[in-house]
Amino acid sequence: MIIGTAQGEIDPADRHNALIQDINLGGHANANGKVTYTATFTLIKPIDLSKGNGILFYNVVNRGVGAIRTTSR
């Protein structure tokens, strides 16, 4: 299992980010005028990758609620 944190920044003025709820209400823009975020993730993988079936099993947390998802190659 791999547990980690991803960090990034997005531009609240970019129209592609308009679907993010209340992005303009946060008031948390950094010096570049972008909103920073941190996301935690969990990846579950086989101990021996050669015995894996090619499916990625991962957990996405959204507002504190985890949802298990899978995807294949």
Protein backbone atom coordinates (compact mmCIF):
# COMPACT_ATOMS: atom_id res chain seq x y z
CA MET A 1 0.00 0.00 0.00
CA ILE A 2 1.24 3.48 -0.85
CA ILE A 3 -0.17 6.44 1.09
CA GLY A 4 0.79 9.93 0.02
CA THR A 5 -0.09 13.55 -0.47
CA ALA A 6 -0.32 15.51 -3.70
CA GLN A 7 -0.11 19.28 -3.70
CA GLY A 8 -0.87 21.77 -6.43
CA GLU A 9 -2.36 25.08 -7.36
CA ILE A 10 -5.14 26.12 -9.71
CA ASP A 11 -6.20 29.41 -11.22
CA PRO A 12 -9.66 30.43 -9.96
CA ALA A 13 -10.03 32.73 -12.98
CA ASP A 14 -9.55 29.88 -15.48
CA ARG A 15 -12.96 28.91 -16.93
CA HIS A 16 -12.02 25.21 -16.68
CA ASN A 17 -12.02 25.55 -12.89
CA ALA A 18 -15.45 27.20 -12.72
CA LEU A 19 -17.10 23.87 -11.87
CA ILE A 20 -15.26 23.75 -8.53
CA GLN A 21 -17.79 24.74 -5.90
CA ASP A 22 -17.11 28.15 -4.28
CA ILE A 23 -13.58 28.45 -5.70
CA ASN A 24 -13.84 32.26 -5.74
CA LEU A 25 -15.11 32.45 -2.16
CA GLY A 26 -12.09 30.94 -0.44
CA GLY A 27 -9.92 34.03 -0.36
CA HIS A 28 -6.88 31.75 -0.17
CA ALA A 29 -5.02 32.86 -3.29
CA ASN A 30 -1.24 32.68 -3.05
CA ALA A 31 1.22 35.29 -4.35
CA ASN A 32 0.62 34.01 -7.91
CA GLY A 33 -3.16 34.54 -7.55
CA LYS A 34 -3.77 30.78 -7.54
CA VAL A 35 -5.58 28.62 -5.00
CA THR A 36 -3.43 25.91 -3.48
CA TYR A 37 -4.69 22.48 -2.52
CA THR A 38 -3.54 19.31 -0.85
CA ALA A 39 -5.03 15.89 -1.56
CA THR A 40 -4.27 12.63 0.17
CA PHE A 41 -4.29 9.35 -1.71
CA THR A 42 -3.96 5.64 -1.08
CA LEU A 43 -2.80 3.16 -3.71
CA ILE A 44 -3.08 -0.56 -3.11
CA LYS A 45 -0.71 -2.73 -5.14
CA PRO A 46 0.42 -6.33 -5.10
CA ILE A 47 3.58 -7.10 -3.17
CA ASP A 48 4.88 -8.95 -6.24
CA LEU A 49 3.96 -6.80 -9.26
CA SER A 50 4.63 -9.70 -11.66
CA LYS A 51 1.59 -11.44 -10.14
CA GLY A 52 -0.69 -8.44 -10.62
CA ASN A 53 -3.64 -8.41 -13.03
CA GLY A 54 -3.12 -4.86 -14.34
CA ILE A 55 -5.92 -3.27 -12.32
CA LEU A 56 -5.21 -0.17 -10.25
CA PHE A 57 -7.14 -0.13 -6.96
CA TYR A 58 -7.25 3.30 -5.36
CA ASN A 59 -9.11 5.36 -2.79
CA VAL A 60 -10.23 8.93 -3.44
CA VAL A 61 -11.30 11.06 -0.51
CA ASN A 62 -13.83 13.78 -1.28
CA ARG A 63 -14.83 16.02 1.62
CA GLY A 64 -13.65 13.42 4.09
CA VAL A 65 -15.55 10.49 2.56
CA GLY A 66 -13.55 7.75 0.88
CA ALA A 67 -14.71 6.02 -2.29
CA ILE A 68 -12.95 2.90 -3.59
CA ARG A 69 -12.42 2.87 -7.35
CA THR A 70 -10.67 0.62 -9.87
CA THR A 71 -9.27 1.10 -13.33
CA SER A 72 -7.50 -1.18 -15.79
CA ARG A 73 -4.78 -0.62 -18.37
